[in-house]
PDB file of N, CA and C in Angstrom:
ATOM      1  N   UNK A   1      38.992 -17.260 -71.989  1.00  0.00           N
ATOM      2  CA  UNK A   1      39.274 -18.376 -72.878  1.00  0.00           C
ATOM      3  C   UNK A   1      40.764 -18.366 -73.157  1.00  0.00           C
ATOM      4  N   UNK A   2      41.439 -19.400 -72.728  1.00  0.00           N
ATOM      5  CA  UNK A   2      42.885 -19.458 -72.900  1.00  0.00           C
ATOM      6  C   UNK A   2      43.306 -20.189 -74.164  1.00  0.00           C
ATOM      7  N   UNK A   3      42.542 -21.185 -74.579  1.00  0.00           N
ATOM      8  CA  UNK A   3      42.871 -21.964 -75.766  1.00  0.00           C
ATOM      9  C   UNK A   3      41.593 -22.293 -76.520  1.00  0.00           C
ATOM     10  N   UNK A   4      41.720 -22.440 -77.823  1.00  0.00           N
ATOM     11  CA  UNK A   4      40.596 -22.869 -78.647  1.00  0.00           C
ATOM     12  C   UNK A   4      41.141 -23.640 -79.837  1.00  0.00           C
ATOM     13  N   UNK A   5      40.368 -24.570 -80.326  1.00  0.00           N
ATOM     14  CA  UNK A   5      40.741 -25.334 -81.513  1.00  0.00           C
ATOM     15  C   UNK A   5      39.474 -25.611 -82.305  1.00  0.00           C
ATOM     16  N   UNK A   6      39.608 -25.592 -83.610  1.00  0.00           N
ATOM     17  CA  UNK A   6      38.462 -25.863 -84.474  1.00  0.00           C
ATOM     18  C   UNK A   6      38.970 -26.333 -85.825  1.00  0.00           C
ATOM     19  N   UNK A   7      38.112 -26.985 -86.561  1.00  0.00           N
ATOM     20  CA  UNK A   7      38.458 -27.342 -87.926  1.00  0.00           C
ATOM     21  C   UNK A   7      38.515 -26.068 -88.760  1.00  0.00           C
ATOM     22  N   UNK A   8      39.461 -26.028 -89.676  1.00  0.00           N
ATOM     23  CA  UNK A   8      39.606 -24.886 -90.573  1.00  0.00           C
ATOM     24  C   UNK A   8      38.996 -25.255 -91.918  1.00  0.00           C
ATOM     25  N   UNK A   9      37.959 -24.557 -92.287  1.00  0.00           N
ATOM     26  CA  UNK A   9      37.288 -24.839 -93.550  1.00  0.00           C
ATOM     27  C   UNK A   9      38.078 -24.244 -94.706  1.00  0.00           C
ATOM     28  N   UNK A  10      38.228 -25.029 -95.758  1.00  0.00           N
ATOM     29  CA  UNK A  10      38.962 -24.564 -96.933  1.00  0.00           C
ATOM     30  C   UNK A  10      38.080 -23.621 -97.754  1.00  0.00           C
ATOM     31  N   UNK A  11      38.674 -22.511 -98.167  1.00  0.00           N
ATOM     32  CA  UNK A  11      37.986 -21.533 -99.004  1.00  0.00           C
ATOM     33  C   UNK A  11      38.840 -21.293-100.242  1.00  0.00           C
ATOM     34  N   UNK A  12      38.242 -21.438-101.406  1.00  0.00           N
ATOM     35  CA  UNK A  12      38.924 -21.178-102.671  1.00  0.00           C
ATOM     36  C   UNK A  12      38.075 -20.178-103.447  1.00  0.00           C
ATOM     37  N   UNK A  13      38.698 -19.110-103.871  1.00  0.00           N
ATOM     38  CA  UNK A  13      37.994 -18.061-104.617  1.00  0.00           C
ATOM     39  C   UNK A  13      36.756 -17.566-103.871  1.00  0.00           C
ATOM     40  N   UNK A  14      36.889 -17.435-102.562  1.00  0.00           N
ATOM     41  CA  UNK A  14      35.812 -16.900-101.749  1.00  0.00           C
ATOM     42  C   UNK A  14      34.668 -17.859-101.475  1.00  0.00           C
ATOM     43  N   UNK A  15      34.853 -19.144-101.819  1.00  0.00           N
ATOM     44  CA  UNK A  15      33.784 -20.126-101.610  1.00  0.00           C
ATOM     45  C   UNK A  15      34.295 -21.320-100.813  1.00  0.00           C
ATOM     46  N   UNK A  16      33.422 -21.826 -99.946  1.00  0.00           N
ATOM     47  CA  UNK A  16      33.758 -23.037 -99.200  1.00  0.00           C
ATOM     48  C   UNK A  16      33.822 -24.215-100.159  1.00  0.00           C
ATOM     49  N   UNK A  17      34.846 -25.060 -99.976  1.00  0.00           N
ATOM     50  CA  UNK A  17      35.012 -26.217-100.859  1.00  0.00           C
ATOM     51  C   UNK A  17      34.369 -27.481-100.310  1.00  0.00           C
ATOM     52  N   UNK A  18      34.025 -27.477 -99.029  1.00  0.00           N
ATOM     53  CA  UNK A  18      33.514 -28.693 -98.405  1.00  0.00           C
ATOM     54  C   UNK A  18      34.615 -29.523 -97.772  1.00  0.00           C
ATOM     55  N   UNK A  19      35.855 -29.021 -97.845  1.00  0.00           N
ATOM     56  CA  UNK A  19      36.992 -29.725 -97.245  1.00  0.00           C
ATOM     57  C   UNK A  19      37.539 -28.908 -96.082  1.00  0.00           C
ATOM     58  N   UNK A  20      38.285 -29.591 -95.225  1.00  0.00           N
ATOM     59  CA  UNK A  20      38.980 -28.913 -94.133  1.00  0.00           C
ATOM     60  C   UNK A  20      40.474 -28.991 -94.393  1.00  0.00           C
ATOM     61  N   UNK A  21      41.204 -28.047 -93.816  1.00  0.00           N
ATOM     62  CA  UNK A  21      42.656 -28.042 -93.952  1.00  0.00           C
ATOM     63  C   UNK A  21      43.274 -28.193 -92.571  1.00  0.00           C
ATOM     64  N   UNK A  22      44.491 -28.682 -92.538  1.00  0.00           N
ATOM     65  CA  UNK A  22      45.193 -28.826 -91.270  1.00  0.00           C
ATOM     66  C   UNK A  22      44.701 -30.015 -90.471  1.00  0.00           C
ATOM     67  N   UNK A  23      45.043 -29.994 -89.191  1.00  0.00           N
ATOM     68  CA  UNK A  23      44.691 -31.079 -88.283  1.00  0.00           C
ATOM     69  C   UNK A  23      43.172 -31.144 -88.093  1.00  0.00           C
ATOM     70  N   UNK A  24      42.615 -32.339 -88.244  1.00  0.00           N
ATOM     71  CA  UNK A  24      41.183 -32.542 -88.055  1.00  0.00           C
ATOM     72  C   UNK A  24      40.889 -32.614 -86.556  1.00  0.00           C
ATOM     73  N   UNK A  25      39.931 -31.842 -86.117  1.00  0.00           N
ATOM     74  CA  UNK A  25      39.528 -31.857 -84.711  1.00  0.00           C
ATOM     75  C   UNK A  25      38.303 -32.770 -84.602  1.00  0.00           C
ATOM     76  N   UNK A  26      38.581 -34.057 -84.365  1.00  0.00           N
ATOM     77  CA  UNK A  26      37.512 -35.040 -84.220  1.00  0.00           C
ATOM     78  C   UNK A  26      37.402 -35.458 -82.757  1.00  0.00           C
ATOM     79  N   UNK A  27      36.657 -36.511 -82.485  1.00  0.00           N
ATOM     80  CA  UNK A  27      36.423 -36.948 -81.102  1.00  0.00           C
ATOM     81  C   UNK A  27      37.734 -37.180 -80.353  1.00  0.00           C
ATOM     82  N   UNK A  28      38.622 -37.971 -80.910  1.00  0.00           N
ATOM     83  CA  UNK A  28      39.911 -38.244 -80.255  1.00  0.00           C
ATOM     84  C   UNK A  28      40.782 -36.993 -80.235  1.00  0.00           C
ATOM     85  N   UNK A  29      40.701 -36.199 -81.296  1.00  0.00           N
ATOM     86  CA  UNK A  29      41.501 -34.981 -81.385  1.00  0.00           C
ATOM     87  C   UNK A  29      41.153 -33.970 -80.313  1.00  0.00           C
ATOM     88  N   UNK A  30      39.891 -33.888 -79.954  1.00  0.00           N
ATOM     89  CA  UNK A  30      39.479 -32.944 -78.909  1.00  0.00           C
ATOM     90  C   UNK A  30      40.122 -33.296 -77.576  1.00  0.00           C
ATOM     91  N   UNK A  31      40.148 -34.575 -77.230  1.00  0.00           N
ATOM     92  CA  UNK A  31      40.787 -35.005 -75.980  1.00  0.00           C
ATOM     93  C   UNK A  31      42.292 -34.775 -76.052  1.00  0.00           C
ATOM     94  N   UNK A  32      42.887 -35.086 -77.194  1.00  0.00           N
ATOM     95  CA  UNK A  32      44.327 -34.879 -77.387  1.00  0.00           C
ATOM     96  C   UNK A  32      44.688 -33.398 -77.243  1.00  0.00           C
ATOM     97  N   UNK A  33      43.896 -32.532 -77.839  1.00  0.00           N
ATOM     98  CA  UNK A  33      44.161 -31.097 -77.757  1.00  0.00           C
ATOM     99  C   UNK A  33      43.979 -30.571 -76.341  1.00  0.00           C
ATOM    100  N   UNK A  34      43.002 -31.089 -75.614  1.00  0.00           N
ATOM    101  CA  UNK A  34      42.828 -30.674 -74.224  1.00  0.00           C
ATOM    102  C   UNK A  34      44.070 -31.030 -73.414  1.00  0.00           C
ATOM    103  N   UNK A  35      44.588 -32.248 -73.605  1.00  0.00           N
ATOM    104  CA  UNK A  35      45.817 -32.641 -72.898  1.00  0.00           C
ATOM    105  C   UNK A  35      46.978 -31.731 -73.288  1.00  0.00           C
ATOM    106  N   UNK A  36      47.086 -31.402 -74.576  1.00  0.00           N
ATOM    107  CA  UNK A  36      48.164 -30.526 -75.058  1.00  0.00           C
ATOM    108  C   UNK A  36      48.035 -29.125 -74.453  1.00  0.00           C
ATOM    109  N   UNK A  37      46.831 -28.581 -74.471  1.00  0.00           N
ATOM    110  CA  UNK A  37      46.613 -27.246 -73.909  1.00  0.00           C
ATOM    111  C   UNK A  37      46.970 -27.211 -72.431  1.00  0.00           C
ATOM    112  N   UNK A  38      46.541 -28.232 -71.694  1.00  0.00           N
ATOM    113  CA  UNK A  38      46.832 -28.284 -70.258  1.00  0.00           C
ATOM    114  C   UNK A  38      48.336 -28.349 -70.016  1.00  0.00           C
ATOM    115  N   UNK A  39      49.019 -29.168 -70.797  1.00  0.00           N
ATOM    116  CA  UNK A  39      50.471 -29.281 -70.644  1.00  0.00           C
ATOM    117  C   UNK A  39      51.156 -27.953 -70.953  1.00  0.00           C
ATOM    118  N   UNK A  40      50.769 -27.311 -72.040  1.00  0.00           N
ATOM    119  CA  UNK A  40      51.371 -26.027 -72.420  1.00  0.00           C
ATOM    120  C   UNK A  40      51.148 -24.961 -71.355  1.00  0.00           C
ATOM    121  N   UNK A  41      50.009 -25.004 -70.712  1.00  0.00           N
ATOM    122  CA  UNK A  41      49.678 -23.999 -69.699  1.00  0.00           C
ATOM    123  C   UNK A  41      50.179 -24.392 -68.312  1.00  0.00           C
ATOM    124  N   UNK A  42      50.691 -25.611 -68.188  1.00  0.00           N
ATOM    125  CA  UNK A  42      51.154 -26.071 -66.887  1.00  0.00           C
ATOM    126  C   UNK A  42      50.015 -26.298 -65.910  1.00  0.00           C
ATOM    127  N   UNK A  43      48.860 -26.683 -66.444  1.00  0.00           N
ATOM    128  CA  UNK A  43      47.665 -26.895 -65.623  1.00  0.00           C
ATOM    129  C   UNK A  43      47.381 -28.397 -65.556  1.00  0.00           C
ATOM    130  N   UNK A  44      47.221 -28.947 -64.354  1.00  0.00           N
ATOM    131  CA  UNK A  44      46.849 -30.362 -64.261  1.00  0.00           C
ATOM    132  C   UNK A  44      45.492 -30.599 -64.926  1.00  0.00           C
ATOM    133  N   UNK A  45      45.349 -31.733 -65.590  1.00  0.00           N
ATOM    134  CA  UNK A  45      44.066 -32.038 -66.231  1.00  0.00           C
ATOM    135  C   UNK A  45      42.913 -31.971 -65.242  1.00  0.00           C
ATOM    136  N   UNK A  46      43.181 -32.277 -63.993  1.00  0.00           N
ATOM    137  CA  UNK A  46      42.134 -32.232 -62.968  1.00  0.00           C
ATOM    138  C   UNK A  46      41.570 -30.828 -62.789  1.00  0.00           C
ATOM    139  N   UNK A  47      42.289 -29.816 -63.248  1.00  0.00           N
ATOM    140  CA  UNK A  47      41.827 -28.430 -63.108  1.00  0.00           C
ATOM    141  C   UNK A  47      41.310 -27.852 -64.420  1.00  0.00           C
ATOM    142  N   UNK A  48      41.050 -28.709 -65.401  1.00  0.00           N
ATOM    143  CA  UNK A  48      40.521 -28.237 -66.678  1.00  0.00           C
ATOM    144  C   UNK A  48      39.013 -28.431 -66.729  1.00  0.00           C
ATOM    145  N   UNK A  49      38.380 -27.645 -67.595  1.00  0.00           N
ATOM    146  CA  UNK A  49      36.939 -27.740 -67.826  1.00  0.00           C
ATOM    147  C   UNK A  49      36.729 -27.879 -69.326  1.00  0.00           C
ATOM    148  N   UNK A  50      35.886 -28.808 -69.713  1.00  0.00           N
ATOM    149  CA  UNK A  50      35.511 -28.959 -71.119  1.00  0.00           C
ATOM    150  C   UNK A  50      33.992 -28.930 -71.199  1.00  0.00           C
ATOM    151  N   UNK A  51      33.488 -28.336 -72.266  1.00  0.00           N
ATOM    152  CA  UNK A  51      32.047 -28.200 -72.464  1.00  0.00           C
ATOM    153  C   UNK A  51      31.711 -28.778 -73.831  1.00  0.00           C
ATOM    154  N   UNK A  52      30.703 -29.632 -73.898  1.00  0.00           N
ATOM    155  CA  UNK A  52      30.327 -30.215 -75.173  1.00  0.00           C
ATOM    156  C   UNK A  52      28.869 -30.621 -75.203  1.00  0.00           C
ATOM    157  N   UNK A  53      28.398 -30.946 -76.424  1.00  0.00           N
ATOM    158  CA  UNK A  53      26.986 -31.298 -76.567  1.00  0.00           C
ATOM    159  C   UNK A  53      26.738 -32.573 -77.346  1.00  0.00           C
ATOM    160  N   UNK A  54      27.759 -33.120 -77.986  1.00  0.00           N
ATOM    161  CA  UNK A  54      27.547 -34.289 -78.831  1.00  0.00           C
ATOM    162  C   UNK A  54      28.490 -35.432 -78.516  1.00  0.00           C
ATOM    163  N   UNK A  55      28.217 -36.586 -79.133  1.00  0.00           N
ATOM    164  CA  UNK A  55      29.031 -37.776 -78.905  1.00  0.00           C
ATOM    165  C   UNK A  55      30.493 -37.542 -79.266  1.00  0.00           C
ATOM    166  N   UNK A  56      30.757 -36.649 -80.210  1.00  0.00           N
ATOM    167  CA  UNK A  56      32.143 -36.356 -80.577  1.00  0.00           C
ATOM    168  C   UNK A  56      32.883 -35.593 -79.482  1.00  0.00           C
ATOM    169  N   UNK A  57      32.198 -35.206 -78.430  1.00  0.00           N
ATOM    170  CA  UNK A  57      32.824 -34.508 -77.300  1.00  0.00           C
ATOM    171  C   UNK A  57      33.099 -35.429 -76.111  1.00  0.00           C
ATOM    172  N   UNK A  58      32.634 -36.668 -76.161  1.00  0.00           N
ATOM    173  CA  UNK A  58      32.705 -37.546 -74.999  1.00  0.00           C
ATOM    174  C   UNK A  58      34.125 -37.768 -74.489  1.00  0.00           C
ATOM    175  N   UNK A  59      35.082 -38.037 -75.376  1.00  0.00           N
ATOM    176  CA  UNK A  59      36.460 -38.269 -74.928  1.00  0.00           C
ATOM    177  C   UNK A  59      37.012 -37.031 -74.229  1.00  0.00           C
ATOM    178  N   UNK A  60      36.757 -35.866 -74.785  1.00  0.00           N
ATOM    179  CA  UNK A  60      37.226 -34.613 -74.196  1.00  0.00           C
ATOM    180  C   UNK A  60      36.582 -34.387 -72.828  1.00  0.00           C
ATOM    181  N   UNK A  61      35.283 -34.613 -72.733  1.00  0.00           N
ATOM    182  CA  UNK A  61      34.581 -34.411 -71.468  1.00  0.00           C
ATOM    183  C   UNK A  61      35.115 -35.345 -70.388  1.00  0.00           C
ATOM    184  N   UNK A  62      35.438 -36.567 -70.766  1.00  0.00           N
ATOM    185  CA  UNK A  62      35.972 -37.527 -69.803  1.00  0.00           C
ATOM    186  C   UNK A  62      37.428 -37.259 -69.455  1.00  0.00           C
ATOM    187  N   UNK A  63      38.157 -36.578 -70.321  1.00  0.00           N
ATOM    188  CA  UNK A  63      39.557 -36.232 -70.068  1.00  0.00           C
ATOM    189  C   UNK A  63      39.662 -35.060 -69.102  1.00  0.00           C
ATOM    190  N   UNK A  64      38.733 -34.139 -69.191  1.00  0.00           N
ATOM    191  CA  UNK A  64      38.766 -32.920 -68.368  1.00  0.00           C
ATOM    192  C   UNK A  64      38.503 -33.231 -66.899  1.00  0.00           C
ATOM    193  N   UNK A  65      39.001 -32.355 -66.053  1.00  0.00           N
ATOM    194  CA  UNK A  65      38.688 -32.465 -64.633  1.00  0.00           C
ATOM    195  C   UNK A  65      37.207 -32.298 -64.386  1.00  0.00           C
ATOM    196  N   UNK A  66      36.570 -31.432 -65.171  1.00  0.00           N
ATOM    197  CA  UNK A  66      35.126 -31.243 -65.112  1.00  0.00           C
ATOM    198  C   UNK A  66      34.597 -31.215 -66.536  1.00  0.00           C
ATOM    199  N   UNK A  67      33.817 -32.210 -66.889  1.00  0.00           N
ATOM    200  CA  UNK A  67      33.185 -32.271 -68.200  1.00  0.00           C
ATOM    201  C   UNK A  67      31.742 -31.835 -68.073  1.00  0.00           C
ATOM    202  N   UNK A  68      31.370 -30.782 -68.804  1.00  0.00           N
ATOM    203  CA  UNK A  68      30.028 -30.211 -68.712  1.00  0.00           C
ATOM    204  C   UNK A  68      29.272 -30.471 -70.015  1.00  0.00           C
ATOM    205  N   UNK A  69      28.163 -31.173 -69.912  1.00  0.00           N
ATOM    206  CA  UNK A  69      27.276 -31.353 -71.057  1.00  0.00           C
ATOM    207  C   UNK A  69      26.401 -30.104 -71.139  1.00  0.00           C
ATOM    208  N   UNK A  70      26.454 -29.420 -72.278  1.00  0.00           N
ATOM    209  CA  UNK A  70      25.716 -28.164 -72.434  1.00  0.00           C
ATOM    210  C   UNK A  70      24.615 -28.353 -73.470  1.00  0.00           C
ATOM    211  N   UNK A  71      23.351 -28.293 -73.014  1.00  0.00           N
ATOM    212  CA  UNK A  71      22.209 -28.531 -73.909  1.00  0.00           C
ATOM    213  C   UNK A  71      22.473 -29.752 -74.783  1.00  0.00           C
ATOM    214  N   UNK A  72      22.924 -30.797 -74.143  1.00  0.00           N
ATOM    215  CA  UNK A  72      23.460 -31.959 -74.840  1.00  0.00           C
ATOM    216  C   UNK A  72      22.426 -33.052 -75.069  1.00  0.00           C
ATOM    217  N   UNK A  73      22.812 -33.956 -75.946  1.00  0.00           N
ATOM    218  CA  UNK A  73      22.029 -35.152 -76.183  1.00  0.00           C
ATOM    219  C   UNK A  73      22.068 -36.018 -74.922  1.00  0.00           C
ATOM    220  N   UNK A  74      21.049 -36.851 -74.702  1.00  0.00           N
ATOM    221  CA  UNK A  74      20.985 -37.656 -73.478  1.00  0.00           C
ATOM    222  C   UNK A  74      22.234 -38.486 -73.202  1.00  0.00           C
ATOM    223  N   UNK A  75      22.813 -39.106 -74.212  1.00  0.00           N
ATOM    224  CA  UNK A  75      23.998 -39.939 -73.990  1.00  0.00           C
ATOM    225  C   UNK A  75      25.158 -39.114 -73.447  1.00  0.00           C
ATOM    226  N   UNK A  76      25.241 -37.869 -73.854  1.00  0.00           N
ATOM    227  CA  UNK A  76      26.312 -36.986 -73.375  1.00  0.00           C
ATOM    228  C   UNK A  76      26.019 -36.545 -71.948  1.00  0.00           C
ATOM    229  N   UNK A  77      24.783 -36.202 -71.667  1.00  0.00           N
ATOM    230  CA  UNK A  77      24.418 -35.808 -70.297  1.00  0.00           C
ATOM    231  C   UNK A  77      24.721 -36.927 -69.306  1.00  0.00           C
ATOM    232  N   UNK A  78      24.446 -38.159 -69.702  1.00  0.00           N
ATOM    233  CA  UNK A  78      24.690 -39.304 -68.822  1.00  0.00           C
ATOM    234  C   UNK A  78      26.179 -39.526 -68.574  1.00  0.00           C
ATOM    235  N   UNK A  79      27.016 -39.243 -69.556  1.00  0.00           N
ATOM    236  CA  UNK A  79      28.451 -39.511 -69.443  1.00  0.00           C
ATOM    237  C   UNK A  79      29.228 -38.369 -68.796  1.00  0.00           C
ATOM    238  N   UNK A  80      28.718 -37.163 -68.867  1.00  0.00           N
ATOM    239  CA  UNK A  80      29.440 -35.990 -68.350  1.00  0.00           C
ATOM    240  C   UNK A  80      29.374 -35.939 -66.829  1.00  0.00           C
ATOM    241  N   UNK A  81      30.309 -35.196 -66.247  1.00  0.00           N
ATOM    242  CA  UNK A  81      30.317 -35.002 -64.797  1.00  0.00           C
ATOM    243  C   UNK A  81      29.080 -34.239 -64.335  1.00  0.00           C
ATOM    244  N   UNK A  82      28.667 -33.275 -65.137  1.00  0.00           N
ATOM    245  CA  UNK A  82      27.483 -32.475 -64.822  1.00  0.00           C
ATOM    246  C   UNK A  82      26.902 -31.951 -66.128  1.00  0.00           C
ATOM    247  N   UNK A  83      25.717 -31.381 -66.055  1.00  0.00           N
ATOM    248  CA  UNK A  83      25.115 -30.846 -67.277  1.00  0.00           C
ATOM    249  C   UNK A  83      24.383 -29.542 -66.992  1.00  0.00           C
ATOM    250  N   UNK A  84      24.299 -28.734 -68.030  1.00  0.00           N
ATOM    251  CA  UNK A  84      23.570 -27.471 -68.007  1.00  0.00           C
ATOM    252  C   UNK A  84      22.549 -27.568 -69.130  1.00  0.00           C
ATOM    253  N   UNK A  85      21.285 -27.376 -68.793  1.00  0.00           N
ATOM    254  CA  UNK A  85      20.227 -27.559 -69.783  1.00  0.00           C
ATOM    255  C   UNK A  85      19.417 -26.296 -70.003  1.00  0.00           C
ATOM    256  N   UNK A  86      20.084 -25.161 -69.971  1.00  0.00           N
ATOM    257  CA  UNK A  86      19.478 -23.878 -70.309  1.00  0.00           C
ATOM    258  C   UNK A  86      20.318 -23.262 -71.423  1.00  0.00           C
ATOM    259  N   UNK A  87      19.741 -22.402 -72.249  1.00  0.00           N
ATOM    260  CA  UNK A  87      20.465 -21.892 -73.413  1.00  0.00           C
ATOM    261  C   UNK A  87      21.399 -20.709 -73.122  1.00  0.00           C
ATOM    262  N   UNK A  88      22.029 -20.710 -71.967  1.00  0.00           N
ATOM    263  CA  UNK A  88      22.909 -19.600 -71.598  1.00  0.00           C
ATOM    264  C   UNK A  88      24.256 -20.158 -71.170  1.00  0.00           C
ATOM    265  N   UNK A  89      25.257 -20.001 -72.007  1.00  0.00           N
ATOM    266  CA  UNK A  89      26.578 -20.559 -71.730  1.00  0.00           C
ATOM    267  C   UNK A  89      27.199 -19.970 -70.472  1.00  0.00           C
ATOM    268  N   UNK A  90      26.846 -18.732 -70.141  1.00  0.00           N
ATOM    269  CA  UNK A  90      27.424 -18.127 -68.934  1.00  0.00           C
ATOM    270  C   UNK A  90      26.999 -18.852 -67.661  1.00  0.00           C
ATOM    271  N   UNK A  91      25.998 -19.708 -67.753  1.00  0.00           N
ATOM    272  CA  UNK A  91      25.595 -20.517 -66.607  1.00  0.00           C
ATOM    273  C   UNK A  91      26.760 -21.370 -66.117  1.00  0.00           C
ATOM    274  N   UNK A  92      27.617 -21.793 -67.024  1.00  0.00           N
ATOM    275  CA  UNK A  92      28.778 -22.602 -66.640  1.00  0.00           C
ATOM    276  C   UNK A  92      29.702 -21.797 -65.731  1.00  0.00           C
ATOM    277  N   UNK A  93      29.813 -20.503 -65.950  1.00  0.00           N
ATOM    278  CA  UNK A  93      30.645 -19.669 -65.075  1.00  0.00           C
ATOM    279  C   UNK A  93      30.133 -19.716 -63.648  1.00  0.00           C
ATOM    280  N   UNK A  94      28.833 -19.631 -63.475  1.00  0.00           N
ATOM    281  CA  UNK A  94      28.244 -19.675 -62.141  1.00  0.00           C
ATOM    282  C   UNK A  94      28.450 -21.047 -61.513  1.00  0.00           C
ATOM    283  N   UNK A  95      28.375 -22.080 -62.328  1.00  0.00           N
ATOM    284  CA  UNK A  95      28.650 -23.437 -61.868  1.00  0.00           C
ATOM    285  C   UNK A  95      30.066 -23.534 -61.303  1.00  0.00           C
ATOM    286  N   UNK A  96      30.987 -22.781 -61.886  1.00  0.00           N
ATOM    287  CA  UNK A  96      32.386 -22.773 -61.446  1.00  0.00           C
ATOM    288  C   UNK A  96      32.622 -21.835 -60.268  1.00  0.00           C
ATOM    289  N   UNK A  97      31.574 -21.144 -59.833  1.00  0.00           N
ATOM    290  CA  UNK A  97      31.709 -20.247 -58.692  1.00  0.00           C
ATOM    291  C   UNK A  97      32.132 -18.842 -59.056  1.00  0.00           C
ATOM    292  N   UNK A  98      32.056 -18.508 -60.339  1.00  0.00           N
ATOM    293  CA  UNK A  98      32.414 -17.164 -60.797  1.00  0.00           C
ATOM    294  C   UNK A  98      31.154 -16.303 -60.738  1.00  0.00           C
ATOM    295  N   UNK A  99      31.230 -15.195 -60.041  1.00  0.00           N
ATOM    296  CA  UNK A  99      30.058 -14.337 -59.865  1.00  0.00           C
ATOM    297  C   UNK A  99      29.879 -13.387 -61.043  1.00  0.00           C
ATOM    298  N   UNK A 100      28.701 -12.811 -61.129  1.00  0.00           N
ATOM    299  CA  UNK A 100      28.404 -11.839 -62.188  1.00  0.00           C
ATOM    300  C   UNK A 100      29.388 -10.667 -62.135  1.00  0.00           C
ATOM    301  N   UNK A 101      29.757 -10.250 -60.934  1.00  0.00           N
ATOM    302  CA  UNK A 101      30.687  -9.128 -60.776  1.00  0.00           C
ATOM    303  C   UNK A 101      32.079  -9.462 -61.310  1.00  0.00           C
ATOM    304  N   UNK A 102      32.446 -10.723 -61.284  1.00  0.00           N
ATOM    305  CA  UNK A 102      33.768 -11.137 -61.752  1.00  0.00           C
ATOM    306  C   UNK A 102      33.837 -11.286 -63.269  1.00  0.00           C
ATOM    307  N   UNK A 103      32.679 -11.340 -63.907  1.00  0.00           N
ATOM    308  CA  UNK A 103      32.651 -11.559 -65.353  1.00  0.00           C
ATOM    309  C   UNK A 103      32.946 -10.317 -66.080  1.00  0.00           C
TER     310      UNK A 103
END
């Protein structure tokens, strides 16, 4: 895993407030961050992989060179390049041609 982004939940006095801090990672933000990560790493978008399960992932999945719907809702499976419908995320590695020995 080279890059990751997520919403940061606000905590005050050891309790979640129900608010997020910093940049919101929403549907458009996920695609924007994928483009930013690819640029920072010097990787063409065509060589990126994104994995998602909900409608908020659609822009990111379509931006990536390979968008993988993982145990996703039907609308996401239909829009993604491919889908994985088993509860094992490592299945995506095999889809990419990475063997068990390489993991």
